[in-house]
Amino acid sequence: MKKTILTAVCVLALPLAACSGMNTTEQRTLSGAAIGTGVGAGVAAVTGGCVGCGAAIGAAAGAASGYIYDNMNK
């Protein structure tokens, strides 16, 4: 049981370590994608659509928006 918990903690902590050295463009693109994923999944769930499709479309739109926003404010 302890090995399972330790393995789960290590696997879940790994993505957090990968985001530590990002520049502002990468941070805003990732933030846009995360927000877009949530909004897309939420809208799809409320409207009765495909939640996975809504999340994917929202992630793509959010990532593009975050990237464009960062490049316009330089």
PDB file of N, CA and C in Angstrom:
ATOM      1  N   MET A   1       0.822  -1.198   0.000  1.00  0.00           N
ATOM      2  CA  MET A   1       0.000   0.000   0.000  1.00  0.00           C
ATOM      3  C   MET A   1       0.863   1.258   0.000  1.00  0.00           C
ATOM      4  N   LYS A   2       1.946   1.262   0.777  1.00  0.00           N
ATOM      5  CA  LYS A   2       2.810   2.431   0.843  1.00  0.00           C
ATOM      6  C   LYS A   2       3.485   2.691  -0.500  1.00  0.00           C
ATOM      7  N   LYS A   3       3.867   1.619  -1.194  1.00  0.00           N
ATOM      8  CA  LYS A   3       4.507   1.789  -2.500  1.00  0.00           C
ATOM      9  C   LYS A   3       3.544   2.400  -3.501  1.00  0.00           C
ATOM     10  N   THR A   4       2.295   2.014  -3.439  1.00  0.00           N
ATOM     11  CA  THR A   4       1.287   2.556  -4.348  1.00  0.00           C
ATOM     12  C   THR A   4       1.082   4.041  -4.102  1.00  0.00           C
ATOM     13  N   ILE A   5       0.992   4.429  -2.851  1.00  0.00           N
ATOM     14  CA  ILE A   5       0.803   5.840  -2.515  1.00  0.00           C
ATOM     15  C   ILE A   5       2.030   6.652  -2.916  1.00  0.00           C
ATOM     16  N   LEU A   6       3.219   6.147  -2.640  1.00  0.00           N
ATOM     17  CA  LEU A   6       4.441   6.845  -3.006  1.00  0.00           C
ATOM     18  C   LEU A   6       4.552   6.995  -4.518  1.00  0.00           C
ATOM     19  N   THR A   7       4.221   5.949  -5.243  1.00  0.00           N
ATOM     20  CA  THR A   7       4.258   6.009  -6.704  1.00  0.00           C
ATOM     21  C   THR A   7       3.259   7.032  -7.226  1.00  0.00           C
ATOM     22  N   ALA A   8       2.068   7.052  -6.676  1.00  0.00           N
ATOM     23  CA  ALA A   8       1.048   8.010  -7.104  1.00  0.00           C
ATOM     24  C   ALA A   8       1.491   9.446  -6.839  1.00  0.00           C
ATOM     25  N   VAL A   9       2.072   9.690  -5.689  1.00  0.00           N
ATOM     26  CA  VAL A   9       2.549  11.039  -5.363  1.00  0.00           C
ATOM     27  C   VAL A   9       3.648  11.470  -6.325  1.00  0.00           C
ATOM     28  N   CYS A  10       4.572  10.587  -6.622  1.00  0.00           N
ATOM     29  CA  CYS A  10       5.665  10.920  -7.549  1.00  0.00           C
ATOM     30  C   CYS A  10       5.148  11.191  -8.948  1.00  0.00           C
ATOM     31  N   VAL A  11       4.212  10.380  -9.409  1.00  0.00           N
ATOM     32  CA  VAL A  11       3.660  10.563 -10.756  1.00  0.00           C
ATOM     33  C   VAL A  11       2.874  11.870 -10.834  1.00  0.00           C
ATOM     34  N   LEU A  12       2.134  12.202  -9.810  1.00  0.00           N
ATOM     35  CA  LEU A  12       1.353  13.432  -9.820  1.00  0.00           C
ATOM     36  C   LEU A  12       2.218  14.683  -9.636  1.00  0.00           C
ATOM     37  N   ALA A  13       3.356  14.563  -8.997  1.00  0.00           N
ATOM     38  CA  ALA A  13       4.236  15.714  -8.780  1.00  0.00           C
ATOM     39  C   ALA A  13       5.123  15.997  -9.985  1.00  0.00           C
ATOM     40  N   LEU A  14       5.340  15.023 -10.839  1.00  0.00           N
ATOM     41  CA  LEU A  14       6.223  15.192 -11.985  1.00  0.00           C
ATOM     42  C   LEU A  14       5.789  16.310 -12.931  1.00  0.00           C
ATOM     43  N   PRO A  15       4.526  16.421 -13.322  1.00  0.00           N
ATOM     44  CA  PRO A  15       4.144  17.528 -14.208  1.00  0.00           C
ATOM     45  C   PRO A  15       4.356  18.906 -13.594  1.00  0.00           C
ATOM     46  N   LEU A  16       4.260  19.010 -12.286  1.00  0.00           N
ATOM     47  CA  LEU A  16       4.475  20.301 -11.636  1.00  0.00           C
ATOM     48  C   LEU A  16       5.928  20.746 -11.759  1.00  0.00           C
ATOM     49  N   ALA A  17       6.833  19.817 -11.698  1.00  0.00           N
ATOM     50  CA  ALA A  17       8.249  20.144 -11.823  1.00  0.00           C
ATOM     51  C   ALA A  17       8.601  20.552 -13.252  1.00  0.00           C
ATOM     52  N   ALA A  18       7.863  20.048 -14.206  1.00  0.00           N
ATOM     53  CA  ALA A  18       8.147  20.354 -15.607  1.00  0.00           C
ATOM     54  C   ALA A  18       7.803  21.799 -15.960  1.00  0.00           C
ATOM     55  N   CYS A  19       6.989  22.453 -15.182  1.00  0.00           N
ATOM     56  CA  CYS A  19       6.552  23.824 -15.491  1.00  0.00           C
ATOM     57  C   CYS A  19       7.407  24.883 -14.803  1.00  0.00           C
ATOM     58  N   SER A  20       8.488  24.517 -14.162  1.00  0.00           N
ATOM     59  CA  SER A  20       9.218  25.468 -13.335  1.00  0.00           C
ATOM     60  C   SER A  20      10.076  26.450 -14.128  1.00  0.00           C
ATOM     61  N   GLY A  21      10.567  26.093 -15.289  1.00  0.00           N
ATOM     62  CA  GLY A  21      11.468  26.978 -16.014  1.00  0.00           C
ATOM     63  C   GLY A  21      10.864  27.601 -17.255  1.00  0.00           C
ATOM     64  N   MET A  22       9.558  27.869 -17.230  1.00  0.00           N
ATOM     65  CA  MET A  22       8.896  28.389 -18.426  1.00  0.00           C
ATOM     66  C   MET A  22       9.004  29.904 -18.507  1.00  0.00           C
ATOM     67  N   ASN A  23       9.096  30.429 -19.744  1.00  0.00           N
ATOM     68  CA  ASN A  23       9.090  31.877 -19.933  1.00  0.00           C
ATOM     69  C   ASN A  23       7.636  32.370 -19.952  1.00  0.00           C
ATOM     70  N   THR A  24       7.436  33.669 -20.085  1.00  0.00           N
ATOM     71  CA  THR A  24       6.079  34.212 -19.993  1.00  0.00           C
ATOM     72  C   THR A  24       5.191  33.738 -21.127  1.00  0.00           C
ATOM     73  N   THR A  25       5.732  33.588 -22.330  1.00  0.00           N
ATOM     74  CA  THR A  25       4.918  33.114 -23.448  1.00  0.00           C
ATOM     75  C   THR A  25       4.407  31.709 -23.172  1.00  0.00           C
ATOM     76  N   GLU A  26       5.281  30.842 -22.700  1.00  0.00           N
ATOM     77  CA  GLU A  26       4.881  29.469 -22.387  1.00  0.00           C
ATOM     78  C   GLU A  26       3.871  29.437 -21.246  1.00  0.00           C
ATOM     79  N   GLN A  27       4.061  30.287 -20.242  1.00  0.00           N
ATOM     80  CA  GLN A  27       3.133  30.325 -19.111  1.00  0.00           C
ATOM     81  C   GLN A  27       1.751  30.781 -19.552  1.00  0.00           C
ATOM     82  N   ARG A  28       1.691  31.823 -20.374  1.00  0.00           N
ATOM     83  CA  ARG A  28       0.392  32.331 -20.813  1.00  0.00           C
ATOM     84  C   ARG A  28      -0.292  31.363 -21.767  1.00  0.00           C
ATOM     85  N   THR A  29       0.489  30.687 -22.599  1.00  0.00           N
ATOM     86  CA  THR A  29      -0.097  29.686 -23.492  1.00  0.00           C
ATOM     87  C   THR A  29      -0.672  28.535 -22.690  1.00  0.00           C
ATOM     88  N   LEU A  30       0.055  28.068 -21.693  1.00  0.00           N
ATOM     89  CA  LEU A  30      -0.428  26.976 -20.842  1.00  0.00           C
ATOM     90  C   LEU A  30      -1.637  27.410 -20.023  1.00  0.00           C
ATOM     91  N   SER A  31      -1.602  28.618 -19.486  1.00  0.00           N
ATOM     92  CA  SER A  31      -2.744  29.111 -18.719  1.00  0.00           C
ATOM     93  C   SER A  31      -3.981  29.224 -19.597  1.00  0.00           C
ATOM     94  N   GLY A  32      -3.800  29.734 -20.810  1.00  0.00           N
ATOM     95  CA  GLY A  32      -4.924  29.827 -21.744  1.00  0.00           C
ATOM     96  C   GLY A  32      -5.500  28.466 -22.071  1.00  0.00           C
ATOM     97  N   ALA A  33      -4.611  27.497 -22.287  1.00  0.00           N
ATOM     98  CA  ALA A  33      -5.078  26.142 -22.590  1.00  0.00           C
ATOM     99  C   ALA A  33      -5.838  25.544 -21.412  1.00  0.00           C
ATOM    100  N   ALA A  34      -5.344  25.758 -20.200  1.00  0.00           N
ATOM    101  CA  ALA A  34      -6.021  25.208 -19.012  1.00  0.00           C
ATOM    102  C   ALA A  34      -7.393  25.841 -18.820  1.00  0.00           C
ATOM    103  N   ILE A  35      -7.462  27.152 -18.968  1.00  0.00           N
ATOM    104  CA  ILE A  35      -8.743  27.841 -18.813  1.00  0.00           C
ATOM    105  C   ILE A  35      -9.694  27.427 -19.930  1.00  0.00           C
ATOM    106  N   GLY A  36      -9.181  27.358 -21.152  1.00  0.00           N
ATOM    107  CA  GLY A  36     -10.010  26.943 -22.283  1.00  0.00           C
ATOM    108  C   GLY A  36     -10.543  25.532 -22.136  1.00  0.00           C
ATOM    109  N   THR A  37      -9.734  24.643 -21.592  1.00  0.00           N
ATOM    110  CA  THR A  37     -10.180  23.268 -21.363  1.00  0.00           C
ATOM    111  C   THR A  37     -11.365  23.238 -20.406  1.00  0.00           C
ATOM    112  N   GLY A  38     -11.240  23.966 -19.320  1.00  0.00           N
ATOM    113  CA  GLY A  38     -12.329  24.005 -18.340  1.00  0.00           C
ATOM    114  C   GLY A  38     -13.597  24.617 -18.897  1.00  0.00           C
ATOM    115  N   VAL A  39     -13.445  25.723 -19.607  1.00  0.00           N
ATOM    116  CA  VAL A  39     -14.616  26.391 -20.173  1.00  0.00           C
ATOM    117  C   VAL A  39     -15.253  25.520 -21.254  1.00  0.00           C
ATOM    118  N   GLY A  40     -14.428  24.951 -22.126  1.00  0.00           N
ATOM    119  CA  GLY A  40     -14.964  24.105 -23.191  1.00  0.00           C
ATOM    120  C   GLY A  40     -15.690  22.889 -22.660  1.00  0.00           C
ATOM    121  N   ALA A  41     -15.111  22.235 -21.665  1.00  0.00           N
ATOM    122  CA  ALA A  41     -15.770  21.074 -21.065  1.00  0.00           C
ATOM    123  C   ALA A  41     -17.056  21.479 -20.352  1.00  0.00           C
ATOM    124  N   GLY A  42     -17.019  22.605 -19.677  1.00  0.00           N
ATOM    125  CA  GLY A  42     -18.206  23.080 -18.967  1.00  0.00           C
ATOM    126  C   GLY A  42     -19.349  23.431 -19.899  1.00  0.00           C
ATOM    127  N   VAL A  43     -19.030  24.143 -20.968  1.00  0.00           N
ATOM    128  CA  VAL A  43     -20.062  24.520 -21.931  1.00  0.00           C
ATOM    129  C   VAL A  43     -20.640  23.276 -22.606  1.00  0.00           C
ATOM    130  N   ALA A  44     -19.770  22.336 -22.974  1.00  0.00           N
ATOM    131  CA  ALA A  44     -20.250  21.111 -23.611  1.00  0.00           C
ATOM    132  C   ALA A  44     -21.138  20.306 -22.666  1.00  0.00           C
ATOM    133  N   ALA A  45     -20.779  20.264 -21.393  1.00  0.00           N
ATOM    134  CA  ALA A  45     -21.588  19.524 -20.429  1.00  0.00           C
ATOM    135  C   ALA A  45     -22.956  20.171 -20.242  1.00  0.00           C
ATOM    136  N   VAL A  46     -22.992  21.492 -20.204  1.00  0.00           N
ATOM    137  CA  VAL A  46     -24.258  22.200 -19.998  1.00  0.00           C
ATOM    138  C   VAL A  46     -25.162  22.068 -21.224  1.00  0.00           C
ATOM    139  N   THR A  47     -24.570  22.132 -22.408  1.00  0.00           N
ATOM    140  CA  THR A  47     -25.372  22.081 -23.632  1.00  0.00           C
ATOM    141  C   THR A  47     -25.664  20.659 -24.092  1.00  0.00           C
ATOM    142  N   GLY A  48     -25.086  19.664 -23.439  1.00  0.00           N
ATOM    143  CA  GLY A  48     -25.353  18.280 -23.791  1.00  0.00           C
ATOM    144  C   GLY A  48     -24.483  17.769 -24.925  1.00  0.00           C
ATOM    145  N   GLY A  49     -23.392  18.439 -25.196  1.00  0.00           N
ATOM    146  CA  GLY A  49     -22.495  18.018 -26.266  1.00  0.00           C
ATOM    147  C   GLY A  49     -21.437  17.051 -25.773  1.00  0.00           C
ATOM    148  N   CYS A  50     -20.483  16.793 -26.647  1.00  0.00           N
ATOM    149  CA  CYS A  50     -19.366  15.900 -26.330  1.00  0.00           C
ATOM    150  C   CYS A  50     -18.379  16.655 -25.432  1.00  0.00           C
ATOM    151  N   VAL A  51     -18.251  16.228 -24.194  1.00  0.00           N
ATOM    152  CA  VAL A  51     -17.403  16.930 -23.225  1.00  0.00           C
ATOM    153  C   VAL A  51     -15.941  16.879 -23.641  1.00  0.00           C
ATOM    154  N   GLY A  52     -15.474  15.738 -24.122  1.00  0.00           N
ATOM    155  CA  GLY A  52     -14.090  15.610 -24.568  1.00  0.00           C
ATOM    156  C   GLY A  52     -13.791  16.515 -25.752  1.00  0.00           C
ATOM    157  N   CYS A  53     -14.749  16.587 -26.678  1.00  0.00           N
ATOM    158  CA  CYS A  53     -14.572  17.463 -27.848  1.00  0.00           C
ATOM    159  C   CYS A  53     -14.551  18.927 -27.423  1.00  0.00           C
ATOM    160  N   GLY A  54     -15.444  19.291 -26.524  1.00  0.00           N
ATOM    161  CA  GLY A  54     -15.477  20.665 -26.032  1.00  0.00           C
ATOM    162  C   GLY A  54     -14.197  21.028 -25.309  1.00  0.00           C
ATOM    163  N   ALA A  55     -13.657  20.093 -24.535  1.00  0.00           N
ATOM    164  CA  ALA A  55     -12.406  20.338 -23.821  1.00  0.00           C
ATOM    165  C   ALA A  55     -11.254  20.507 -24.805  1.00  0.00           C
ATOM    166  N   ALA A  56     -11.210  19.678 -25.841  1.00  0.00           N
ATOM    167  CA  ALA A  56     -10.128  19.769 -26.830  1.00  0.00           C
ATOM    168  C   ALA A  56     -10.201  21.078 -27.616  1.00  0.00           C
ATOM    169  N   ILE A  57     -11.393  21.445 -28.035  1.00  0.00           N
ATOM    170  CA  ILE A  57     -11.561  22.701 -28.781  1.00  0.00           C
ATOM    171  C   ILE A  57     -11.242  23.891 -27.878  1.00  0.00           C
ATOM    172  N   GLY A  58     -11.705  23.842 -26.635  1.00  0.00           N
ATOM    173  CA  GLY A  58     -11.414  24.912 -25.685  1.00  0.00           C
ATOM    174  C   GLY A  58      -9.932  25.033 -25.398  1.00  0.00           C
ATOM    175  N   ALA A  59      -9.241  23.901 -25.289  1.00  0.00           N
ATOM    176  CA  ALA A  59      -7.795  23.926 -25.040  1.00  0.00           C
ATOM    177  C   ALA A  59      -7.057  24.564 -26.201  1.00  0.00           C
ATOM    178  N   ALA A  60      -7.436  24.200 -27.415  1.00  0.00           N
ATOM    179  CA  ALA A  60      -6.773  24.773 -28.595  1.00  0.00           C
ATOM    180  C   ALA A  60      -7.039  26.273 -28.695  1.00  0.00           C
ATOM    181  N   ALA A  61      -8.279  26.670 -28.494  1.00  0.00           N
ATOM    182  CA  ALA A  61      -8.620  28.091 -28.565  1.00  0.00           C
ATOM    183  C   ALA A  61      -7.949  28.874 -27.439  1.00  0.00           C
ATOM    184  N   GLY A  62      -7.918  28.307 -26.251  1.00  0.00           N
ATOM    185  CA  GLY A  62      -7.285  28.980 -25.119  1.00  0.00           C
ATOM    186  C   GLY A  62      -5.784  29.110 -25.284  1.00  0.00           C
ATOM    187  N   ALA A  63      -5.137  28.064 -25.789  1.00  0.00           N
ATOM    188  CA  ALA A  63      -3.689  28.127 -26.015  1.00  0.00           C
ATOM    189  C   ALA A  63      -3.360  29.185 -27.064  1.00  0.00           C
ATOM    190  N   ALA A  64      -4.128  29.206 -28.140  1.00  0.00           N
ATOM    191  CA  ALA A  64      -3.900  30.214 -29.183  1.00  0.00           C
ATOM    192  C   ALA A  64      -4.130  31.619 -28.639  1.00  0.00           C
ATOM    193  N   SER A  65      -5.173  31.784 -27.843  1.00  0.00           N
ATOM    194  CA  SER A  65      -5.465  33.098 -27.267  1.00  0.00           C
ATOM    195  C   SER A  65      -4.367  33.556 -26.311  1.00  0.00           C
ATOM    196  N   GLY A  66      -3.878  32.644 -25.484  1.00  0.00           N
ATOM    197  CA  GLY A  66      -2.795  32.988 -24.563  1.00  0.00           C
ATOM    198  C   GLY A  66      -1.527  33.372 -25.292  1.00  0.00           C
ATOM    199  N   TYR A  67      -1.225  32.648 -26.364  1.00  0.00           N
ATOM    200  CA  TYR A  67      -0.038  32.949 -27.164  1.00  0.00           C
ATOM    201  C   TYR A  67      -0.169  34.314 -27.846  1.00  0.00           C
ATOM    202  N   ILE A  68      -1.300  34.552 -28.443  1.00  0.00           N
ATOM    203  CA  ILE A  68      -1.531  35.837 -29.131  1.00  0.00           C
ATOM    204  C   ILE A  68      -1.505  36.978 -28.132  1.00  0.00           C
ATOM    205  N   TYR A  69      -2.159  36.810 -26.997  1.00  0.00           N
ATOM    206  CA  TYR A  69      -2.178  37.856 -25.970  1.00  0.00           C
ATOM    207  C   TYR A  69      -0.767  38.217 -25.531  1.00  0.00           C
ATOM    208  N   ASP A  70       0.061  37.198 -25.310  1.00  0.00           N
ATOM    209  CA  ASP A  70       1.441  37.456 -24.867  1.00  0.00           C
ATOM    210  C   ASP A  70       2.230  38.198 -25.937  1.00  0.00           C
ATOM    211  N   ASN A  71       2.062  37.825 -27.184  1.00  0.00           N
ATOM    212  CA  ASN A  71       2.826  38.473 -28.252  1.00  0.00           C
ATOM    213  C   ASN A  71       2.337  39.885 -28.547  1.00  0.00           C
ATOM    214  N   MET A  72       1.079  40.189 -28.265  1.00  0.00           N
ATOM    215  CA  MET A  72       0.568  41.545 -28.481  1.00  0.00           C
ATOM    216  C   MET A  72       1.021  42.500 -27.382  1.00  0.00           C
ATOM    217  N   ASN A  73       1.368  41.982 -26.219  1.00  0.00           N
ATOM    218  CA  ASN A  73       1.741  42.818 -25.080  1.00  0.00           C
ATOM    219  C   ASN A  73       3.248  42.876 -24.848  1.00  0.00           C
ATOM    220  N   LYS A  74       4.023  42.704 -25.883  1.00  0.00           N
ATOM    221  CA  LYS A  74       5.471  42.801 -25.727  1.00  0.00           C
ATOM    222  C   LYS A  74       5.969  44.114 -26.243  1.00  0.00           C
TER     223      LYS A  74
END
